[in-house]
């Protein structure tokens, strides 16, 4: 089929497409998926002010989400490397611990008058 960019970008999702649909259909669906993701990214970039207003985004909210994701990834790596958790168990445990910290912070944070 020639160059297959979708196989490299989608990795396991592409393998799922091949197993479910066969090589040719997976090639088409994989590339349509990549085009859809790129179109979505371009649309968000072009309409960022509307997206930010609609989601009520602020710099602090974006920063807190980045910290949440970083904490979850870091904990997942620690649980897998240091404690020998399987990947899914490490992710679920890290997600629960990060979610608890997130909930505690926003539940106990004093409100401004």
PDB file of N, CA and C in Angstrom:
ATOM      1  N   UNK A   1       0.811  -1.211   0.000  1.00  0.00           N
ATOM      2  CA  UNK A   1       0.000   0.000   0.000  1.00  0.00           C
ATOM      3  C   UNK A   1       0.843   1.258   0.000  1.00  0.00           C
ATOM      4  N   UNK A   2       2.126   1.142   0.198  1.00  0.00           N
ATOM      5  CA  UNK A   2       2.976   2.331   0.204  1.00  0.00           C
ATOM      6  C   UNK A   2       3.230   2.811   1.621  1.00  0.00           C
ATOM      7  N   UNK A   3       3.519   4.075   1.730  1.00  0.00           N
ATOM      8  CA  UNK A   3       3.824   4.690   3.015  1.00  0.00           C
ATOM      9  C   UNK A   3       2.604   4.630   3.932  1.00  0.00           C
ATOM     10  N   UNK A   4       2.818   4.188   5.152  1.00  0.00           N
ATOM     11  CA  UNK A   4       1.712   4.036   6.092  1.00  0.00           C
ATOM     12  C   UNK A   4       2.006   4.840   7.357  1.00  0.00           C
ATOM     13  N   UNK A   5       1.694   6.123   7.315  1.00  0.00           N
ATOM     14  CA  UNK A   5       1.943   7.020   8.439  1.00  0.00           C
ATOM     15  C   UNK A   5       1.057   6.652   9.624  1.00  0.00           C
ATOM     16  N   UNK A   6      -0.150   6.237   9.360  1.00  0.00           N
ATOM     17  CA  UNK A   6      -1.097   5.922  10.439  1.00  0.00           C
ATOM     18  C   UNK A   6      -0.593   4.790  11.323  1.00  0.00           C
ATOM     19  N   UNK A   7       0.108   3.833  10.737  1.00  0.00           N
ATOM     20  CA  UNK A   7       0.620   2.711  11.526  1.00  0.00           C
ATOM     21  C   UNK A   7       1.605   3.202  12.585  1.00  0.00           C
ATOM     22  N   UNK A   8       2.426   4.178  12.238  1.00  0.00           N
ATOM     23  CA  UNK A   8       3.411   4.704  13.180  1.00  0.00           C
ATOM     24  C   UNK A   8       2.775   5.635  14.207  1.00  0.00           C
ATOM     25  N   UNK A   9       1.801   6.414  13.791  1.00  0.00           N
ATOM     26  CA  UNK A   9       1.191   7.384  14.702  1.00  0.00           C
ATOM     27  C   UNK A   9       0.169   6.754  15.642  1.00  0.00           C
ATOM     28  N   UNK A  10      -0.599   5.799  15.162  1.00  0.00           N
ATOM     29  CA  UNK A  10      -1.686   5.217  15.959  1.00  0.00           C
ATOM     30  C   UNK A  10      -1.272   3.955  16.711  1.00  0.00           C
ATOM     31  N   UNK A  11      -0.224   3.315  16.294  1.00  0.00           N
ATOM     32  CA  UNK A  11       0.373   2.143  16.935  1.00  0.00           C
ATOM     33  C   UNK A  11      -0.655   1.062  17.274  1.00  0.00           C
ATOM     34  N   UNK A  12      -1.054   0.912  18.536  1.00  0.00           N
ATOM     35  CA  UNK A  12      -1.954  -0.173  18.944  1.00  0.00           C
ATOM     36  C   UNK A  12      -3.359  -0.009  18.367  1.00  0.00           C
ATOM     37  N   UNK A  13      -3.803   1.212  18.189  1.00  0.00           N
ATOM     38  CA  UNK A  13      -5.129   1.429  17.595  1.00  0.00           C
ATOM     39  C   UNK A  13      -5.118   0.925  16.154  1.00  0.00           C
ATOM     40  N   UNK A  14      -4.029   1.174  15.457  1.00  0.00           N
ATOM     41  CA  UNK A  14      -3.917   0.685  14.082  1.00  0.00           C
ATOM     42  C   UNK A  14      -3.921  -0.842  14.046  1.00  0.00           C
ATOM     43  N   UNK A  15      -3.231  -1.459  15.000  1.00  0.00           N
ATOM     44  CA  UNK A  15      -3.243  -2.928  15.074  1.00  0.00           C
ATOM     45  C   UNK A  15      -4.655  -3.451  15.316  1.00  0.00           C
ATOM     46  N   UNK A  16      -5.422  -2.731  16.117  1.00  0.00           N
ATOM     47  CA  UNK A  16      -6.819  -3.100  16.348  1.00  0.00           C
ATOM     48  C   UNK A  16      -7.628  -2.988  15.057  1.00  0.00           C
ATOM     49  N   UNK A  17      -7.390  -1.917  14.293  1.00  0.00           N
ATOM     50  CA  UNK A  17      -8.062  -1.757  13.003  1.00  0.00           C
ATOM     51  C   UNK A  17      -7.741  -2.925  12.065  1.00  0.00           C
ATOM     52  N   UNK A  18      -6.468  -3.320  12.007  1.00  0.00           N
ATOM     53  CA  UNK A  18      -6.059  -4.425  11.131  1.00  0.00           C
ATOM     54  C   UNK A  18      -6.729  -5.719  11.552  1.00  0.00           C
ATOM     55  N   UNK A  19      -6.750  -5.997  12.861  1.00  0.00           N
ATOM     56  CA  UNK A  19      -7.353  -7.233  13.354  1.00  0.00           C
ATOM     57  C   UNK A  19      -8.857  -7.267  13.076  1.00  0.00           C
ATOM     58  N   UNK A  20      -9.503  -6.111  13.167  1.00  0.00           N
ATOM     59  CA  UNK A  20     -10.953  -6.077  12.997  1.00  0.00           C
ATOM     60  C   UNK A  20     -11.378  -5.982  11.534  1.00  0.00           C
ATOM     61  N   UNK A  21     -10.612  -5.238  10.710  1.00  0.00           N
ATOM     62  CA  UNK A  21     -11.087  -4.914   9.371  1.00  0.00           C
ATOM     63  C   UNK A  21     -10.227  -5.431   8.232  1.00  0.00           C
ATOM     64  N   UNK A  22      -9.003  -5.842   8.538  1.00  0.00           N
ATOM     65  CA  UNK A  22      -8.092  -6.248   7.480  1.00  0.00           C
ATOM     66  C   UNK A  22      -7.192  -5.088   7.087  1.00  0.00           C
ATOM     67  N   UNK A  23      -6.177  -5.384   6.307  1.00  0.00           N
ATOM     68  CA  UNK A  23      -5.148  -4.405   5.987  1.00  0.00           C
ATOM     69  C   UNK A  23      -5.608  -3.192   5.211  1.00  0.00           C
ATOM     70  N   UNK A  24      -6.379  -3.398   4.155  1.00  0.00           N
ATOM     71  CA  UNK A  24      -6.781  -2.279   3.301  1.00  0.00           C
ATOM     72  C   UNK A  24      -7.724  -1.332   4.025  1.00  0.00           C
ATOM     73  N   UNK A  25      -8.748  -1.874   4.659  1.00  0.00           N
ATOM     74  CA  UNK A  25      -9.695  -1.029   5.389  1.00  0.00           C
ATOM     75  C   UNK A  25      -9.014  -0.339   6.559  1.00  0.00           C
ATOM     76  N   UNK A  26      -8.074  -1.025   7.207  1.00  0.00           N
ATOM     77  CA  UNK A  26      -7.339  -0.422   8.320  1.00  0.00           C
ATOM     78  C   UNK A  26      -6.481   0.738   7.820  1.00  0.00           C
ATOM     79  N   UNK A  27      -5.881   0.587   6.624  1.00  0.00           N
ATOM     80  CA  UNK A  27      -5.084   1.669   6.059  1.00  0.00           C
ATOM     81  C   UNK A  27      -5.943   2.909   5.863  1.00  0.00           C
ATOM     82  N   UNK A  28      -7.124   2.724   5.246  1.00  0.00           N
ATOM     83  CA  UNK A  28      -8.019   3.866   5.019  1.00  0.00           C
ATOM     84  C   UNK A  28      -8.519   4.461   6.325  1.00  0.00           C
ATOM     85  N   UNK A  29      -9.008   3.620   7.229  1.00  0.00           N
ATOM     86  CA  UNK A  29      -9.547   4.129   8.491  1.00  0.00           C
ATOM     87  C   UNK A  29      -8.453   4.764   9.337  1.00  0.00           C
ATOM     88  N   UNK A  30      -7.266   4.194   9.330  1.00  0.00           N
ATOM     89  CA  UNK A  30      -6.153   4.778  10.073  1.00  0.00           C
ATOM     90  C   UNK A  30      -5.810   6.169   9.581  1.00  0.00           C
ATOM     91  N   UNK A  31      -5.742   6.332   8.278  1.00  0.00           N
ATOM     92  CA  UNK A  31      -5.424   7.652   7.727  1.00  0.00           C
ATOM     93  C   UNK A  31      -6.566   8.636   7.926  1.00  0.00           C
ATOM     94  N   UNK A  32      -7.792   8.169   7.844  1.00  0.00           N
ATOM     95  CA  UNK A  32      -8.925   9.060   8.151  1.00  0.00           C
ATOM     96  C   UNK A  32      -8.897   9.487   9.615  1.00  0.00           C
ATOM     97  N   UNK A  33      -8.488   8.589  10.504  1.00  0.00           N
ATOM     98  CA  UNK A  33      -8.370   8.932  11.915  1.00  0.00           C
ATOM     99  C   UNK A  33      -7.305  10.001  12.120  1.00  0.00           C
ATOM    100  N   UNK A  34      -6.154   9.849  11.477  1.00  0.00           N
ATOM    101  CA  UNK A  34      -5.082  10.842  11.592  1.00  0.00           C
ATOM    102  C   UNK A  34      -5.538  12.188  11.038  1.00  0.00           C
ATOM    103  N   UNK A  35      -6.201  12.183   9.887  1.00  0.00           N
ATOM    104  CA  UNK A  35      -6.706  13.431   9.298  1.00  0.00           C
ATOM    105  C   UNK A  35      -7.730  14.076  10.223  1.00  0.00           C
ATOM    106  N   UNK A  36      -8.608  13.281  10.834  1.00  0.00           N
ATOM    107  CA  UNK A  36      -9.604  13.822  11.766  1.00  0.00           C
ATOM    108  C   UNK A  36      -8.962  14.444  12.998  1.00  0.00           C
ATOM    109  N   UNK A  37      -7.935  13.795  13.531  1.00  0.00           N
ATOM    110  CA  UNK A  37      -7.237  14.350  14.698  1.00  0.00           C
ATOM    111  C   UNK A  37      -6.559  15.661  14.330  1.00  0.00           C
ATOM    112  N   UNK A  38      -5.888  15.698  13.182  1.00  0.00           N
ATOM    113  CA  UNK A  38      -5.238  16.934  12.744  1.00  0.00           C
ATOM    114  C   UNK A  38      -6.253  18.043  12.484  1.00  0.00           C
ATOM    115  N   UNK A  39      -7.386  17.703  11.874  1.00  0.00           N
ATOM    116  CA  UNK A  39      -8.422  18.703  11.634  1.00  0.00           C
ATOM    117  C   UNK A  39      -8.969  19.235  12.957  1.00  0.00           C
ATOM    118  N   UNK A  40      -9.139  18.369  13.931  1.00  0.00           N
ATOM    119  CA  UNK A  40      -9.609  18.807  15.246  1.00  0.00           C
ATOM    120  C   UNK A  40      -8.621  19.738  15.920  1.00  0.00           C
ATOM    121  N   UNK A  41      -7.337  19.421  15.831  1.00  0.00           N
ATOM    122  CA  UNK A  41      -6.307  20.281  16.426  1.00  0.00           C
ATOM    123  C   UNK A  41      -6.283  21.645  15.739  1.00  0.00           C
ATOM    124  N   UNK A  42      -6.366  21.659  14.427  1.00  0.00           N
ATOM    125  CA  UNK A  42      -6.381  22.918  13.679  1.00  0.00           C
ATOM    126  C   UNK A  42      -7.616  23.727  14.017  1.00  0.00           C
ATOM    127  N   UNK A  43      -8.768  23.076  14.127  1.00  0.00           N
ATOM    128  CA  UNK A  43     -10.004  23.785  14.469  1.00  0.00           C
ATOM    129  C   UNK A  43      -9.909  24.415  15.849  1.00  0.00           C
ATOM    130  N   UNK A  44      -9.394  23.667  16.823  1.00  0.00           N
ATOM    131  CA  UNK A  44      -9.250  24.205  18.178  1.00  0.00           C
ATOM    132  C   UNK A  44      -8.296  25.395  18.163  1.00  0.00           C
ATOM    133  N   UNK A  45      -7.180  25.281  17.433  1.00  0.00           N
ATOM    134  CA  UNK A  45      -6.220  26.386  17.367  1.00  0.00           C
ATOM    135  C   UNK A  45      -6.841  27.618  16.716  1.00  0.00           C
ATOM    136  N   UNK A  46      -7.636  27.418  15.674  1.00  0.00           N
ATOM    137  CA  UNK A  46      -8.247  28.546  14.971  1.00  0.00           C
ATOM    138  C   UNK A  46      -9.353  29.202  15.797  1.00  0.00           C
ATOM    139  N   UNK A  47     -10.017  28.441  16.637  1.00  0.00           N
ATOM    140  CA  UNK A  47     -11.135  28.957  17.430  1.00  0.00           C
ATOM    141  C   UNK A  47     -10.818  28.949  18.922  1.00  0.00           C
ATOM    142  N   UNK A  48      -9.554  29.182  19.275  1.00  0.00           N
ATOM    143  CA  UNK A  48      -9.130  29.044  20.656  1.00  0.00           C
ATOM    144  C   UNK A  48      -9.903  29.956  21.607  1.00  0.00           C
ATOM    145  N   UNK A  49     -10.196  31.171  21.213  1.00  0.00           N
ATOM    146  CA  UNK A  49     -10.906  32.084  22.119  1.00  0.00           C
ATOM    147  C   UNK A  49     -12.302  31.561  22.436  1.00  0.00           C
ATOM    148  N   UNK A  50     -12.983  31.018  21.443  1.00  0.00           N
ATOM    149  CA  UNK A  50     -14.313  30.449  21.686  1.00  0.00           C
ATOM    150  C   UNK A  50     -14.224  29.190  22.547  1.00  0.00           C
ATOM    151  N   UNK A  51     -13.225  28.363  22.293  1.00  0.00           N
ATOM    152  CA  UNK A  51     -13.046  27.135  23.075  1.00  0.00           C
ATOM    153  C   UNK A  51     -12.731  27.486  24.525  1.00  0.00           C
ATOM    154  N   UNK A  52     -11.820  28.434  24.724  1.00  0.00           N
ATOM    155  CA  UNK A  52     -11.434  28.836  26.082  1.00  0.00           C
ATOM    156  C   UNK A  52     -12.617  29.433  26.830  1.00  0.00           C
ATOM    157  N   UNK A  53     -13.411  30.240  26.144  1.00  0.00           N
ATOM    158  CA  UNK A  53     -14.594  30.832  26.787  1.00  0.00           C
ATOM    159  C   UNK A  53     -15.645  29.773  27.092  1.00  0.00           C
ATOM    160  N   UNK A  54     -15.858  28.861  26.165  1.00  0.00           N
ATOM    161  CA  UNK A  54     -16.859  27.808  26.360  1.00  0.00           C
ATOM    162  C   UNK A  54     -16.508  26.852  27.484  1.00  0.00           C
ATOM    163  N   UNK A  55     -15.215  26.550  27.647  1.00  0.00           N
ATOM    164  CA  UNK A  55     -14.768  25.649  28.705  1.00  0.00           C
ATOM    165  C   UNK A  55     -14.388  26.392  29.980  1.00  0.00           C
ATOM    166  N   UNK A  56     -14.528  27.733  29.951  1.00  0.00           N
ATOM    167  CA  UNK A  56     -14.207  28.568  31.103  1.00  0.00           C
ATOM    168  C   UNK A  56     -12.761  28.335  31.542  1.00  0.00           C
ATOM    169  N   UNK A  57     -11.856  28.351  30.569  1.00  0.00           N
ATOM    170  CA  UNK A  57     -10.456  28.079  30.848  1.00  0.00           C
ATOM    171  C   UNK A  57      -9.738  29.332  31.323  1.00  0.00           C
ATOM    172  N   UNK A  58      -8.859  29.128  32.269  1.00  0.00           N
ATOM    173  CA  UNK A  58      -7.955  30.178  32.714  1.00  0.00           C
ATOM    174  C   UNK A  58      -6.564  29.578  32.776  1.00  0.00           C
ATOM    175  N   UNK A  59      -5.566  30.433  32.958  1.00  0.00           N
ATOM    176  CA  UNK A  59      -4.196  29.915  33.033  1.00  0.00           C
ATOM    177  C   UNK A  59      -4.034  28.990  34.233  1.00  0.00           C
ATOM    178  N   UNK A  60      -4.686  29.322  35.341  1.00  0.00           N
ATOM    179  CA  UNK A  60      -4.575  28.483  36.536  1.00  0.00           C
ATOM    180  C   UNK A  60      -5.240  27.120  36.319  1.00  0.00           C
ATOM    181  N   UNK A  61      -6.361  27.103  35.614  1.00  0.00           N
ATOM    182  CA  UNK A  61      -7.046  25.839  35.354  1.00  0.00           C
ATOM    183  C   UNK A  61      -6.205  24.937  34.451  1.00  0.00           C
ATOM    184  N   UNK A  62      -5.587  25.509  33.438  1.00  0.00           N
ATOM    185  CA  UNK A  62      -4.721  24.737  32.549  1.00  0.00           C
ATOM    186  C   UNK A  62      -3.523  24.210  33.326  1.00  0.00           C
ATOM    187  N   UNK A  63      -2.924  25.069  34.165  1.00  0.00           N
ATOM    188  CA  UNK A  63      -1.783  24.657  34.982  1.00  0.00           C
ATOM    189  C   UNK A  63      -2.171  23.511  35.914  1.00  0.00           C
ATOM    190  N   UNK A  64      -3.341  23.598  36.539  1.00  0.00           N
ATOM    191  CA  UNK A  64      -3.751  22.546  37.468  1.00  0.00           C
ATOM    192  C   UNK A  64      -4.011  21.227  36.739  1.00  0.00           C
ATOM    193  N   UNK A  65      -4.541  21.274  35.515  1.00  0.00           N
ATOM    194  CA  UNK A  65      -4.727  20.046  34.746  1.00  0.00           C
ATOM    195  C   UNK A  65      -3.391  19.430  34.352  1.00  0.00           C
ATOM    196  N   UNK A  66      -2.415  20.275  34.002  1.00  0.00           N
ATOM    197  CA  UNK A  66      -1.091  19.757  33.670  1.00  0.00           C
ATOM    198  C   UNK A  66      -0.441  19.092  34.881  1.00  0.00           C
ATOM    199  N   UNK A  67      -0.621  19.689  36.063  1.00  0.00           N
ATOM    200  CA  UNK A  67      -0.085  19.089  37.284  1.00  0.00           C
ATOM    201  C   UNK A  67      -0.776  17.756  37.560  1.00  0.00           C
ATOM    202  N   UNK A  68      -2.096  17.694  37.371  1.00  0.00           N
ATOM    203  CA  UNK A  68      -2.851  16.462  37.588  1.00  0.00           C
ATOM    204  C   UNK A  68      -2.351  15.354  36.658  1.00  0.00           C
ATOM    205  N   UNK A  69      -2.191  15.660  35.392  1.00  0.00           N
ATOM    206  CA  UNK A  69      -1.714  14.668  34.425  1.00  0.00           C
ATOM    207  C   UNK A  69      -0.283  14.253  34.763  1.00  0.00           C
ATOM    208  N   UNK A  70       0.574  15.225  35.104  1.00  0.00           N
ATOM    209  CA  UNK A  70       1.948  14.914  35.474  1.00  0.00           C
ATOM    210  C   UNK A  70       2.031  14.038  36.714  1.00  0.00           C
ATOM    211  N   UNK A  71       1.200  14.337  37.724  1.00  0.00           N
ATOM    212  CA  UNK A  71       1.170  13.511  38.934  1.00  0.00           C
ATOM    213  C   UNK A  71       0.747  12.085  38.606  1.00  0.00           C
ATOM    214  N   UNK A  72      -0.254  11.950  37.781  1.00  0.00           N
ATOM    215  CA  UNK A  72      -0.756  10.626  37.433  1.00  0.00           C
ATOM    216  C   UNK A  72       0.295   9.831  36.660  1.00  0.00           C
ATOM    217  N   UNK A  73       0.948  10.457  35.692  1.00  0.00           N
ATOM    218  CA  UNK A  73       1.982   9.762  34.925  1.00  0.00           C
ATOM    219  C   UNK A  73       3.157   9.394  35.827  1.00  0.00           C
ATOM    220  N   UNK A  74       3.578  10.332  36.667  1.00  0.00           N
ATOM    221  CA  UNK A  74       4.691  10.063  37.571  1.00  0.00           C
ATOM    222  C   UNK A  74       4.399   8.929  38.544  1.00  0.00           C
ATOM    223  N   UNK A  75       3.200   8.945  39.115  1.00  0.00           N
ATOM    224  CA  UNK A  75       2.827   7.873  40.036  1.00  0.00           C
ATOM    225  C   UNK A  75       2.737   6.530  39.318  1.00  0.00           C
ATOM    226  N   UNK A  76       2.213   6.537  38.111  1.00  0.00           N
ATOM    227  CA  UNK A  76       2.118   5.293  37.346  1.00  0.00           C
ATOM    228  C   UNK A  76       3.497   4.692  37.142  1.00  0.00           C
ATOM    229  N   UNK A  77       4.461   5.530  36.787  1.00  0.00           N
ATOM    230  CA  UNK A  77       5.821   5.035  36.584  1.00  0.00           C
ATOM    231  C   UNK A  77       6.421   4.515  37.891  1.00  0.00           C
ATOM    232  N   UNK A  78       6.177   5.217  38.985  1.00  0.00           N
ATOM    233  CA  UNK A  78       6.692   4.760  40.287  1.00  0.00           C
ATOM    234  C   UNK A  78       6.068   3.435  40.678  1.00  0.00           C
ATOM    235  N   UNK A  79       4.758   3.310  40.544  1.00  0.00           N
ATOM    236  CA  UNK A  79       4.081   2.070  40.930  1.00  0.00           C
ATOM    237  C   UNK A  79       4.561   0.890  40.096  1.00  0.00           C
ATOM    238  N   UNK A  80       4.816   1.125  38.803  1.00  0.00           N
ATOM    239  CA  UNK A  80       5.279   0.040  37.938  1.00  0.00           C
ATOM    240  C   UNK A  80       6.737  -0.320  38.227  1.00  0.00           C
ATOM    241  N   UNK A  81       7.593   0.690  38.334  1.00  0.00           N
ATOM    242  CA  UNK A  81       9.028   0.428  38.490  1.00  0.00           C
ATOM    243  C   UNK A  81       9.411   0.011  39.900  1.00  0.00           C
ATOM    244  N   UNK A  82       8.879   0.700  40.894  1.00  0.00           N
ATOM    245  CA  UNK A  82       9.301   0.458  42.264  1.00  0.00           C
ATOM    246  C   UNK A  82       8.516  -0.665  42.943  1.00  0.00           C
ATOM    247  N   UNK A  83       7.228  -0.761  42.637  1.00  0.00           N
ATOM    248  CA  UNK A  83       6.372  -1.715  43.339  1.00  0.00           C
ATOM    249  C   UNK A  83       5.950  -2.900  42.494  1.00  0.00           C
ATOM    250  N   UNK A  84       6.283  -2.905  41.216  1.00  0.00           N
ATOM    251  CA  UNK A  84       5.991  -4.032  40.349  1.00  0.00           C
ATOM    252  C   UNK A  84       4.524  -4.186  39.971  1.00  0.00           C
ATOM    253  N   UNK A  85       3.764  -3.081  39.984  1.00  0.00           N
ATOM    254  CA  UNK A  85       2.365  -3.144  39.577  1.00  0.00           C
ATOM    255  C   UNK A  85       2.277  -3.431  38.081  1.00  0.00           C
ATOM    256  N   UNK A  86       1.220  -4.113  37.637  1.00  0.00           N
ATOM    257  CA  UNK A  86       0.975  -4.173  36.190  1.00  0.00           C
ATOM    258  C   UNK A  86       0.532  -2.788  35.709  1.00  0.00           C
ATOM    259  N   UNK A  87       0.645  -2.539  34.422  1.00  0.00           N
ATOM    260  CA  UNK A  87       0.400  -1.192  33.887  1.00  0.00           C
ATOM    261  C   UNK A  87      -1.002  -0.676  34.213  1.00  0.00           C
ATOM    262  N   UNK A  88      -2.022  -1.489  33.993  1.00  0.00           N
ATOM    263  CA  UNK A  88      -3.386  -1.027  34.240  1.00  0.00           C
ATOM    264  C   UNK A  88      -3.625  -0.779  35.730  1.00  0.00           C
ATOM    265  N   UNK A  89      -3.134  -1.665  36.575  1.00  0.00           N
ATOM    266  CA  UNK A  89      -3.295  -1.480  38.012  1.00  0.00           C
ATOM    267  C   UNK A  89      -2.579  -0.233  38.509  1.00  0.00           C
ATOM    268  N   UNK A  90      -1.371   0.011  37.965  1.00  0.00           N
ATOM    269  CA  UNK A  90      -0.613   1.208  38.345  1.00  0.00           C
ATOM    270  C   UNK A  90      -1.353   2.465  37.923  1.00  0.00           C
ATOM    271  N   UNK A  91      -1.921   2.450  36.707  1.00  0.00           N
ATOM    272  CA  UNK A  91      -2.648   3.625  36.216  1.00  0.00           C
ATOM    273  C   UNK A  91      -3.901   3.881  37.044  1.00  0.00           C
ATOM    274  N   UNK A  92      -4.654   2.842  37.348  1.00  0.00           N
ATOM    275  CA  UNK A  92      -5.881   3.015  38.133  1.00  0.00           C
ATOM    276  C   UNK A  92      -5.563   3.526  39.531  1.00  0.00           C
ATOM    277  N   UNK A  93      -4.521   2.975  40.158  1.00  0.00           N
ATOM    278  CA  UNK A  93      -4.124   3.428  41.489  1.00  0.00           C
ATOM    279  C   UNK A  93      -3.657   4.884  41.446  1.00  0.00           C
ATOM    280  N   UNK A  94      -2.846   5.230  40.454  1.00  0.00           N
ATOM    281  CA  UNK A  94      -2.356   6.602  40.322  1.00  0.00           C
ATOM    282  C   UNK A  94      -3.498   7.567  40.043  1.00  0.00           C
ATOM    283  N   UNK A  95      -4.434   7.154  39.196  1.00  0.00           N
ATOM    284  CA  UNK A  95      -5.583   8.000  38.891  1.00  0.00           C
ATOM    285  C   UNK A  95      -6.427   8.238  40.137  1.00  0.00           C
ATOM    286  N   UNK A  96      -6.631   7.190  40.932  1.00  0.00           N
ATOM    287  CA  UNK A  96      -7.385   7.342  42.166  1.00  0.00           C
ATOM    288  C   UNK A  96      -6.687   8.250  43.164  1.00  0.00           C
ATOM    289  N   UNK A  97      -5.372   8.084  43.329  1.00  0.00           N
ATOM    290  CA  UNK A  97      -4.619   8.923  44.265  1.00  0.00           C
ATOM    291  C   UNK A  97      -4.582  10.376  43.795  1.00  0.00           C
ATOM    292  N   UNK A  98      -4.345  10.602  42.510  1.00  0.00           N
ATOM    293  CA  UNK A  98      -4.334  11.964  41.973  1.00  0.00           C
ATOM    294  C   UNK A  98      -5.721  12.585  42.059  1.00  0.00           C
ATOM    295  N   UNK A  99      -6.742  11.795  41.770  1.00  0.00           N
ATOM    296  CA  UNK A  99      -8.113  12.294  41.882  1.00  0.00           C
ATOM    297  C   UNK A  99      -8.474  12.685  43.298  1.00  0.00           C
ATOM    298  N   UNK A 100      -7.997  11.918  44.279  1.00  0.00           N
ATOM    299  CA  UNK A 100      -8.253  12.253  45.679  1.00  0.00           C
ATOM    300  C   UNK A 100      -7.582  13.570  46.054  1.00  0.00           C
ATOM    301  N   UNK A 101      -6.323  13.744  45.626  1.00  0.00           N
ATOM    302  CA  UNK A 101      -5.619  14.997  45.908  1.00  0.00           C
ATOM    303  C   UNK A 101      -6.335  16.157  45.228  1.00  0.00           C
ATOM    304  N   UNK A 102      -6.761  15.975  43.983  1.00  0.00           N
ATOM    305  CA  UNK A 102      -7.487  17.008  43.230  1.00  0.00           C
ATOM    306  C   UNK A 102      -8.778  17.370  43.957  1.00  0.00           C
ATOM    307  N   UNK A 103      -9.553  16.376  44.333  1.00  0.00           N
ATOM    308  CA  UNK A 103     -10.823  16.603  45.018  1.00  0.00           C
ATOM    309  C   UNK A 103     -10.588  17.308  46.352  1.00  0.00           C
ATOM    310  N   UNK A 104      -9.582  16.864  47.105  1.00  0.00           N
ATOM    311  CA  UNK A 104      -9.288  17.485  48.399  1.00  0.00           C
ATOM    312  C   UNK A 104      -8.903  18.943  48.234  1.00  0.00           C
ATOM    313  N   UNK A 105      -8.065  19.221  47.256  1.00  0.00           N
ATOM    314  CA  UNK A 105      -7.618  20.594  47.035  1.00  0.00           C
ATOM    315  C   UNK A 105      -8.790  21.508  46.694  1.00  0.00           C
ATOM    316  N   UNK A 106      -9.641  21.097  45.783  1.00  0.00           N
ATOM    317  CA  UNK A 106     -10.731  21.970  45.362  1.00  0.00           C
ATOM    318  C   UNK A 106     -11.914  21.944  46.320  1.00  0.00           C
ATOM    319  N   UNK A 107     -12.021  20.929  47.165  1.00  0.00           N
ATOM    320  CA  UNK A 107     -13.089  20.906  48.170  1.00  0.00           C
ATOM    321  C   UNK A 107     -12.697  21.698  49.403  1.00  0.00           C
ATOM    322  N   UNK A 108     -11.422  21.660  49.771  1.00  0.00           N
ATOM    323  CA  UNK A 108     -10.968  22.323  50.982  1.00  0.00           C
ATOM    324  C   UNK A 108     -10.385  23.711  50.737  1.00  0.00           C
ATOM    325  N   UNK A 109     -10.229  24.065  49.478  1.00  0.00           N
ATOM    326  CA  UNK A 109      -9.676  25.377  49.152  1.00  0.00           C
ATOM    327  C   UNK A 109     -10.628  26.463  49.609  1.00  0.00           C
ATOM    328  N   UNK A 110     -10.144  27.451  50.328  1.00  0.00           N
ATOM    329  CA  UNK A 110     -11.039  28.516  50.772  1.00  0.00           C
ATOM    330  C   UNK A 110     -11.534  29.338  49.577  1.00  0.00           C
ATOM    331  N   UNK A 111     -12.783  29.682  49.624  1.00  0.00           N
ATOM    332  CA  UNK A 111     -13.389  30.497  48.565  1.00  0.00           C
ATOM    333  C   UNK A 111     -13.115  31.961  48.829  1.00  0.00           C
ATOM    334  N   UNK A 112     -12.906  32.690  47.758  1.00  0.00           N
ATOM    335  CA  UNK A 112     -12.713  34.128  47.905  1.00  0.00           C
ATOM    336  C   UNK A 112     -14.078  34.809  47.988  1.00  0.00           C
ATOM    337  N   UNK A 113     -14.159  35.808  48.822  1.00  0.00           N
ATOM    338  CA  UNK A 113     -15.431  36.509  49.026  1.00  0.00           C
ATOM    339  C   UNK A 113     -15.774  37.394  47.870  1.00  0.00           C
TER     340      UNK A 113
END
